[in-house]
Amino acid sequence: MKNIGGQAVIEGVMMKSPRAWTVAVRGPNREICFQRNNLKELPKLLKKPVIRGFVTLTQALVIGIKALAFSAEKAIEEEEEKPSSFSMGITVFISIALGLGLFLLLPLYCTKLLGAVFQSVNDSRMLFNLVDGIIRIIFFLIYIISINASRDIRRVFQYHGAEHKVVHAYEAGSELTPENVEPYSILHPRCGTSFLLVVMVFSIMTFSFIPKELPLMGKFLSRIIFIPLIAGCSYEFIRFSSKRISNPFIKAMAAPGLYLQRLTALEPSQDQIEVAIEAMREVLKMESEGTAEK
């Protein structure tokens, strides 16, 4: 059985297998549109533990941007102005910059301010990074809860739940029909939400190696440098734990990530499950045939 994962997009789902990825989007006319692409096999060096984690993350980011661009184009009414490649590029750049500012620079600055009040925070490198990590997690939770107020985002989160249900059904060997898929869980141990939480926990330990004598911007830039290592280690943990989720100790460690998914993966409708099923069927077809429509 192939290792298949996915991502929710605007009015649709992207599914990715080792050799292909497919996006299925329900357009305004209720028909399902597809985008299909092959994936080149990675060199053996890039498949090594830890390295493959950062490579997979980078690949997922690139594919995710393309999938979102396709879904935005197909989900928007014909009379509306569709986003250009340039505007999408600017949006992605601004999003990454805001993400680094909100989840790296701002928590770091807040921790520095706390260190000015509580000297013990500044004196202990471990305590400084623990406080920094806790603030980062709090900001992340506030961000997730805030965007849940948007009706459009909640629909994306419903497609996220549909994607998880279909992956569960596929892994269980069930026939992919809306009726068979519906009972499966909206939570999945390999979810990107769980991955982000693991990243934040690993970052607390990793950032503790950064000298506390560095100025604020020096610490910020050092944290960016450590991102590939943190992503790689987090990927290995998610990969390891997802295969041993029945182990009580592993299940307890994975529990916070699964609980957090209740904010980003919501119960989908039958129509949304149908779209996720079509995305899975297409990527399985491409995987078996080794071909894609450009």
Foldseek 3Di string as FASTA:
>chain_A
DWDKAWAFEQQWIWIDTQFWIKIWHQEPVRDIDMAIDTDDHDPPVCVDFLSVLLVVVVVCVVVVLVNRLVRQVRHDDPVDDRDDPVNSVVVVVVVVVVCLCQQFQVLLVVLVVVCVVPVVLLVALLNSLVSSLVVSVVSVLVVLVVCLVDPSQVQSLQLLLLLVLQSVCVVVVHDQALVSSQVDGSFALLDPQLLVNQLSVLLSVVLSPPDSPDDSVVSSVVSVVCSSSSSSVSNVLSVVLRVVCVPVVSVVVSVVSRVSSCSRHDHHDSSSNVSSSVRVVVNVVCVVVVDGDD
